[in-house]
Structure formats: C-alpha cells, structure tokens
Amino acid sequence: MAAAAGQQAPAPQQAPKPAAPAATEQKPADKPVESNWVTQCGAKTRAGALDCSVQQTIIKTDTGQLVAQVSVRVPADTRSPVMMIQLPLGLFLPAGVELQIDQNKTIELPLQTCDASGCFAGTPLTADMLGQFQKGKSLRIGFKNLTQSKIDLSMPLPGFATAYEGIR
C-alpha cells in the first residue's frame, strides 16, 4: 500500500451502515449495536479441540486489497487470549505497529514477519488490554509505508465484547 510522500492513504471503507432515521422516527432503546466483529472456529482434526477467534477486517473497496485485519483468539491449550494484526506488504518495518484504544496509552508492537499474504505483529492480551477492547469505542492502528509516510486506520470496537464472550 504505497502512497506518495506526504499523502494519506485512501480511506478504507467498512461495510455500509444504514441511513440515519428521520427526525420523526424513534430508535428502539434495545436496538442491538452493529458489529463488524466476526467469530470463527475450527479444529485441525475432527476430534481436535476447537480453536476460535474474533476478527475484523478492513479492505479497500476499489481494489479488494486487505488493509488490516485484527484477530483475537483463545488457543485451546493455554486459554489465554492473543492478538494478531495482519497488514499489507510494503511497510517500513522498523516503525512497527502502533495500537491505541480510544484515548488510552499507545501500544507499540514490532512487526514479526512478512509473507506473501502480508506483514504480521502479535501479542498476548493482558487483562488490561482485553478490558480496553471490551469497553472501547475505537481502535487506531498506525504504521508507516515504504516512504515512511504515516498511515492511521480506525476500527470500531462496539460488538467486540459480545463476540469475544462467544469464544471464551
């Protein structure tokens, strides 16, 4: 995802949201919060333990290119949550990845590896980080492209807590 120096990357788009209700309409108080978090489970064998994750993906709508994917899973063997972030190729690797939930402290992660599907950074989720994910409104993901231009993405967090409860 290369952008010219000094330019911001094109804004990735999430799934379209329904139009706002007209001023005369009343919103039901118990209307569920829209969530972009998807739950996935699988096992290596039929008799194997399920390995489940919740994830959200940002894709450039004009090209179909993956811009970012955040996945939180709870491995069957440890039952301790871990997070993996997948970003596109073409990053300035020494800059790593910055994460920030709402106005909380920025978390810096090194990029661990890159392969044909992208570059990856991961970390165990501490109880504090997990609590921020569950209560937060927005996750900012920051990284630099090869020209060292800063790219910031925003990922909504509403719905994460409900999705995560389904895999614990």
C-alpha atoms as a PDB file:
ATOM      1  CA  MET A   1       0.000   0.000   0.000  1.00  0.00           C
ATOM      2  CA  ALA A   2       2.292   2.685  -1.212  1.00  0.00           C
ATOM      3  CA  ALA A   3       1.266   6.316  -1.001  1.00  0.00           C
ATOM      4  CA  ALA A   4       3.309   9.244  -2.203  1.00  0.00           C
ATOM      5  CA  ALA A   5       5.288  11.055   0.494  1.00  0.00           C
ATOM      6  CA  GLY A   6       3.111  13.454   2.443  1.00  0.00           C
ATOM      7  CA  GLN A   7      -0.127  11.877   1.256  1.00  0.00           C
ATOM      8  CA  GLN A   8      -2.534   9.998   3.441  1.00  0.00           C
ATOM      9  CA  ALA A   9      -3.583   6.579   2.182  1.00  0.00           C
ATOM     10  CA  PRO A  10      -7.083   6.400   0.720  1.00  0.00           C
ATOM     11  CA  ALA A  11      -9.592   5.874   3.477  1.00  0.00           C
ATOM     12  CA  PRO A  12     -10.577   2.203   3.658  1.00  0.00           C
ATOM     13  CA  GLN A  13     -14.279   1.615   3.863  1.00  0.00           C
ATOM     14  CA  GLN A  14     -16.155  -0.690   6.149  1.00  0.00           C
ATOM     15  CA  ALA A  15     -19.486  -2.299   5.393  1.00  0.00           C
ATOM     16  CA  PRO A  16     -22.113   0.358   4.576  1.00  0.00           C
ATOM     17  CA  LYS A  17     -24.209   1.479   7.501  1.00  0.00           C
ATOM     18  CA  PRO A  18     -27.948   2.067   7.251  1.00  0.00           C
ATOM     19  CA  ALA A  19     -29.106   5.625   6.769  1.00  0.00           C
ATOM     20  CA  ALA A  20     -29.846   7.599   9.933  1.00  0.00           C
ATOM     21  CA  PRO A  21     -33.521   7.511  10.947  1.00  0.00           C
ATOM     22  CA  ALA A  22     -35.662  10.516  10.097  1.00  0.00           C
ATOM     23  CA  ALA A  23     -36.186  13.026  12.894  1.00  0.00           C
ATOM     24  CA  THR A  24     -39.740  11.801  13.457  1.00  0.00           C
ATOM     25  CA  GLU A  25     -38.721   8.159  13.928  1.00  0.00           C
ATOM     26  CA  GLN A  26     -37.963   6.801  17.388  1.00  0.00           C
ATOM     27  CA  LYS A  27     -34.996   4.466  17.807  1.00  0.00           C
ATOM     28  CA  PRO A  28     -35.803   1.456  19.968  1.00  0.00           C
ATOM     29  CA  ALA A  29     -33.805   1.588  23.203  1.00  0.00           C
ATOM     30  CA  ASP A  30     -32.930  -2.095  22.915  1.00  0.00           C
ATOM     31  CA  LYS A  31     -31.662  -1.929  19.325  1.00  0.00           C
ATOM     32  CA  PRO A  32     -28.502  -4.090  19.100  1.00  0.00           C
ATOM     33  CA  VAL A  33     -25.195  -2.367  18.364  1.00  0.00           C
ATOM     34  CA  GLU A  34     -23.971  -3.085  14.835  1.00  0.00           C
ATOM     35  CA  SER A  35     -20.819  -5.168  14.967  1.00  0.00           C
ATOM     36  CA  ASN A  36     -18.182  -5.824  12.352  1.00  0.00           C
ATOM     37  CA  TRP A  37     -16.514  -8.480  14.518  1.00  0.00           C
ATOM     38  CA  VAL A  38     -16.805 -11.996  13.088  1.00  0.00           C
ATOM     39  CA  THR A  39     -16.405 -15.194  15.086  1.00  0.00           C
ATOM     40  CA  GLN A  40     -14.650 -18.205  13.538  1.00  0.00           C
ATOM     41  CA  CYS A  41     -13.932 -21.625  14.995  1.00  0.00           C
ATOM     42  CA  GLY A  42     -12.124 -24.631  13.613  1.00  0.00           C
ATOM     43  CA  ALA A  43     -10.129 -27.691  14.579  1.00  0.00           C
ATOM     44  CA  LYS A  44      -7.144 -29.365  12.956  1.00  0.00           C
ATOM     45  CA  THR A  45      -8.890 -32.741  13.178  1.00  0.00           C
ATOM     46  CA  ARG A  46     -12.482 -33.849  13.795  1.00  0.00           C
ATOM     47  CA  ALA A  47     -11.611 -34.941  17.312  1.00  0.00           C
ATOM     48  CA  GLY A  48      -9.361 -31.940  17.964  1.00  0.00           C
ATOM     49  CA  ALA A  49     -10.131 -29.068  20.289  1.00  0.00           C
ATOM     50  CA  LEU A  50     -11.797 -26.032  18.737  1.00  0.00           C
ATOM     51  CA  ASP A  51      -9.601 -23.014  18.121  1.00  0.00           C
ATOM     52  CA  CYS A  52     -11.825 -19.907  17.977  1.00  0.00           C
ATOM     53  CA  SER A  53     -11.164 -16.275  17.136  1.00  0.00           C
ATOM     54  CA  VAL A  54     -12.949 -12.983  16.630  1.00  0.00           C
ATOM     55  CA  GLN A  55     -11.726 -10.769  13.848  1.00  0.00           C
ATOM     56  CA  GLN A  56     -12.403  -7.623  11.929  1.00  0.00           C
ATOM     57  CA  THR A  57     -11.007  -6.783   8.507  1.00  0.00           C
ATOM     58  CA  ILE A  58     -10.578  -3.521   6.610  1.00  0.00           C
ATOM     59  CA  ILE A  59     -10.481  -3.912   2.837  1.00  0.00           C
ATOM     60  CA  LYS A  60     -10.047  -1.224   0.163  1.00  0.00           C
ATOM     61  CA  THR A  61     -13.341  -1.373  -1.681  1.00  0.00           C
ATOM     62  CA  ASP A  62     -11.942  -0.236  -5.022  1.00  0.00           C
ATOM     63  CA  THR A  63      -9.195  -2.892  -5.208  1.00  0.00           C
ATOM     64  CA  GLY A  64     -10.251  -5.566  -2.721  1.00  0.00           C
ATOM     65  CA  GLN A  65      -6.813  -5.250  -1.059  1.00  0.00           C
ATOM     66  CA  LEU A  66      -6.576  -6.194   2.610  1.00  0.00           C
ATOM     67  CA  VAL A  67      -5.514  -3.109   4.550  1.00  0.00           C
ATOM     68  CA  ALA A  68      -5.693  -4.540   8.067  1.00  0.00           C
ATOM     69  CA  GLN A  69      -7.058  -7.491   9.965  1.00  0.00           C
ATOM     70  CA  VAL A  70      -7.164  -7.782  13.736  1.00  0.00           C
ATOM     71  CA  SER A  71      -7.745 -11.244  15.135  1.00  0.00           C
ATOM     72  CA  VAL A  72      -8.099 -12.190  18.803  1.00  0.00           C
ATOM     73  CA  ARG A  73      -8.089 -15.863  19.606  1.00  0.00           C
ATOM     74  CA  VAL A  74      -8.083 -18.047  22.664  1.00  0.00           C
ATOM     75  CA  PRO A  75      -5.884 -21.090  21.987  1.00  0.00           C
ATOM     76  CA  ALA A  76      -7.380 -24.316  23.318  1.00  0.00           C
ATOM     77  CA  ASP A  77      -4.143 -25.307  25.064  1.00  0.00           C
ATOM     78  CA  THR A  78      -3.456 -22.099  27.038  1.00  0.00           C
ATOM     79  CA  ARG A  79      -6.908 -20.438  27.187  1.00  0.00           C
ATOM     80  CA  SER A  80      -5.018 -17.097  27.260  1.00  0.00           C
ATOM     81  CA  PRO A  81      -6.090 -14.578  24.587  1.00  0.00           C
ATOM     82  CA  VAL A  82      -3.602 -13.491  21.920  1.00  0.00           C
ATOM     83  CA  MET A  83      -3.942 -10.855  19.217  1.00  0.00           C
ATOM     84  CA  MET A  84      -2.535 -10.953  15.689  1.00  0.00           C
ATOM     85  CA  ILE A  85      -2.558  -7.995  13.311  1.00  0.00           C
ATOM     86  CA  GLN A  86      -2.127  -8.525   9.593  1.00  0.00           C
ATOM     87  CA  LEU A  87      -1.124  -5.550   7.430  1.00  0.00           C
ATOM     88  CA  PRO A  88      -0.270  -5.311   3.729  1.00  0.00           C
ATOM     89  CA  LEU A  89       3.198  -5.717   2.245  1.00  0.00           C
ATOM     90  CA  GLY A  90       5.201  -2.567   1.559  1.00  0.00           C
ATOM     91  CA  LEU A  91       5.665  -1.368   5.130  1.00  0.00           C
ATOM     92  CA  PHE A  92       8.616   0.394   6.719  1.00  0.00           C
ATOM     93  CA  LEU A  93       9.424  -2.500   9.056  1.00  0.00           C
ATOM     94  CA  PRO A  94      11.493  -0.673  11.727  1.00  0.00           C
ATOM     95  CA  ALA A  95       8.479   1.533  12.580  1.00  0.00           C
ATOM     96  CA  GLY A  96       6.417  -1.456  13.705  1.00  0.00           C
ATOM     97  CA  VAL A  97       2.734  -1.020  14.525  1.00  0.00           C
ATOM     98  CA  GLU A  98       1.038   1.334  16.970  1.00  0.00           C
ATOM     99  CA  LEU A  99      -2.267   0.484  18.595  1.00  0.00           C
ATOM    100  CA  GLN A 100      -4.404   2.859  20.619  1.00  0.00           C
ATOM    101  CA  ILE A 101      -7.845   2.210  22.046  1.00  0.00           C
ATOM    102  CA  ASP A 102      -9.788   5.442  22.466  1.00  0.00           C
ATOM    103  CA  GLN A 103      -7.504   7.837  24.380  1.00  0.00           C
ATOM    104  CA  ASN A 104      -5.587   5.137  26.275  1.00  0.00           C
ATOM    105  CA  LYS A 105      -1.816   4.732  26.143  1.00  0.00           C
ATOM    106  CA  THR A 106      -0.350   3.770  22.751  1.00  0.00           C
ATOM    107  CA  ILE A 107       0.876   0.176  22.484  1.00  0.00           C
ATOM    108  CA  GLU A 108       3.854  -0.383  20.191  1.00  0.00           C
ATOM    109  CA  LEU A 109       4.360  -3.772  18.578  1.00  0.00           C
ATOM    110  CA  PRO A 110       7.255  -4.910  16.384  1.00  0.00           C
ATOM    111  CA  LEU A 111       6.435  -6.465  13.038  1.00  0.00           C
ATOM    112  CA  GLN A 112       7.350 -10.120  13.478  1.00  0.00           C
ATOM    113  CA  THR A 113       7.287 -11.499   9.956  1.00  0.00           C
ATOM    114  CA  CYS A 114       6.057 -10.906   6.423  1.00  0.00           C
ATOM    115  CA  ASP A 115       4.993 -13.437   3.811  1.00  0.00           C
ATOM    116  CA  ALA A 116       3.061 -13.342   0.548  1.00  0.00           C
ATOM    117  CA  SER A 117      -0.193 -12.505   2.385  1.00  0.00           C
ATOM    118  CA  GLY A 118       1.173  -9.540   4.372  1.00  0.00           C
ATOM    119  CA  CYS A 119       3.105  -8.457   7.453  1.00  0.00           C
ATOM    120  CA  PHE A 120       2.219  -9.611  10.956  1.00  0.00           C
ATOM    121  CA  ALA A 121       2.522  -8.365  14.532  1.00  0.00           C
ATOM    122  CA  GLY A 122       1.176 -10.200  17.554  1.00  0.00           C
ATOM    123  CA  THR A 123       0.998 -10.044  21.311  1.00  0.00           C
ATOM    124  CA  PRO A 124      -0.634 -11.783  24.246  1.00  0.00           C
ATOM    125  CA  LEU A 125      -3.596  -9.723  25.502  1.00  0.00           C
ATOM    126  CA  THR A 126      -3.189  -8.680  29.105  1.00  0.00           C
ATOM    127  CA  ALA A 127      -6.308  -8.343  31.266  1.00  0.00           C
ATOM    128  CA  ASP A 128      -5.962  -4.539  30.976  1.00  0.00           C
ATOM    129  CA  MET A 129      -5.748  -4.633  27.162  1.00  0.00           C
ATOM    130  CA  LEU A 130      -8.666  -7.052  26.935  1.00  0.00           C
ATOM    131  CA  GLY A 131     -10.739  -4.759  29.164  1.00  0.00           C
ATOM    132  CA  GLN A 132      -9.927  -1.799  26.896  1.00  0.00           C
ATOM    133  CA  PHE A 133     -11.017  -3.801  23.843  1.00  0.00           C
ATOM    134  CA  GLN A 134     -14.270  -4.813  25.544  1.00  0.00           C
ATOM    135  CA  LYS A 135     -15.179  -1.292  26.720  1.00  0.00           C
ATOM    136  CA  GLY A 136     -13.594   0.746  23.913  1.00  0.00           C
ATOM    137  CA  LYS A 137     -15.240   2.565  21.039  1.00  0.00           C
ATOM    138  CA  SER A 138     -12.386   2.699  18.513  1.00  0.00           C
ATOM    139  CA  LEU A 139      -9.037   1.038  17.818  1.00  0.00           C
ATOM    140  CA  ARG A 140      -6.432   3.127  15.990  1.00  0.00           C
ATOM    141  CA  ILE A 141      -3.840   1.163  14.033  1.00  0.00           C
ATOM    142  CA  GLY A 142      -0.792   3.141  12.898  1.00  0.00           C
ATOM    143  CA  PHE A 143       2.109   2.121  10.681  1.00  0.00           C
ATOM    144  CA  LYS A 144       4.398   3.574   8.009  1.00  0.00           C
ATOM    145  CA  ASN A 145       4.681   2.703   4.333  1.00  0.00           C
ATOM    146  CA  LEU A 146       7.999   2.332   2.499  1.00  0.00           C
ATOM    147  CA  THR A 147       8.296   6.115   2.025  1.00  0.00           C
ATOM    148  CA  GLN A 148       7.863   6.400   5.812  1.00  0.00           C
ATOM    149  CA  SER A 149       4.520   8.195   5.455  1.00  0.00           C
ATOM    150  CA  LYS A 150       2.330   7.575   8.493  1.00  0.00           C
ATOM    151  CA  ILE A 151      -0.896   5.671   7.889  1.00  0.00           C
ATOM    152  CA  ASP A 152      -3.588   5.625  10.566  1.00  0.00           C
ATOM    153  CA  LEU A 153      -6.630   3.364  10.388  1.00  0.00           C
ATOM    154  CA  SER A 154      -9.615   3.269  12.684  1.00  0.00           C
ATOM    155  CA  MET A 155     -11.519   0.113  13.559  1.00  0.00           C
ATOM    156  CA  PRO A 156     -14.780   0.239  15.548  1.00  0.00           C
ATOM    157  CA  LEU A 157     -14.849  -1.805  18.762  1.00  0.00           C
ATOM    158  CA  PRO A 158     -18.596  -1.985  19.557  1.00  0.00           C
ATOM    159  CA  GLY A 159     -19.613  -5.622  19.354  1.00  0.00           C
ATOM    160  CA  PHE A 160     -16.150  -6.938  20.260  1.00  0.00           C
ATOM    161  CA  ALA A 161     -17.158  -7.808  23.847  1.00  0.00           C
ATOM    162  CA  THR A 162     -20.189  -9.817  22.711  1.00  0.00           C
ATOM    163  CA  ALA A 163     -18.210 -11.637  20.017  1.00  0.00           C
ATOM    164  CA  TYR A 164     -15.363 -12.373  22.442  1.00  0.00           C
ATOM    165  CA  GLU A 165     -17.747 -13.817  25.052  1.00  0.00           C
ATOM    166  CA  GLY A 166     -18.772 -16.355  22.393  1.00  0.00           C
ATOM    167  CA  ILE A 167     -15.247 -17.801  22.165  1.00  0.00           C
ATOM    168  CA  ARG A 168     -14.041 -17.696  25.769  1.00  0.00           C
END
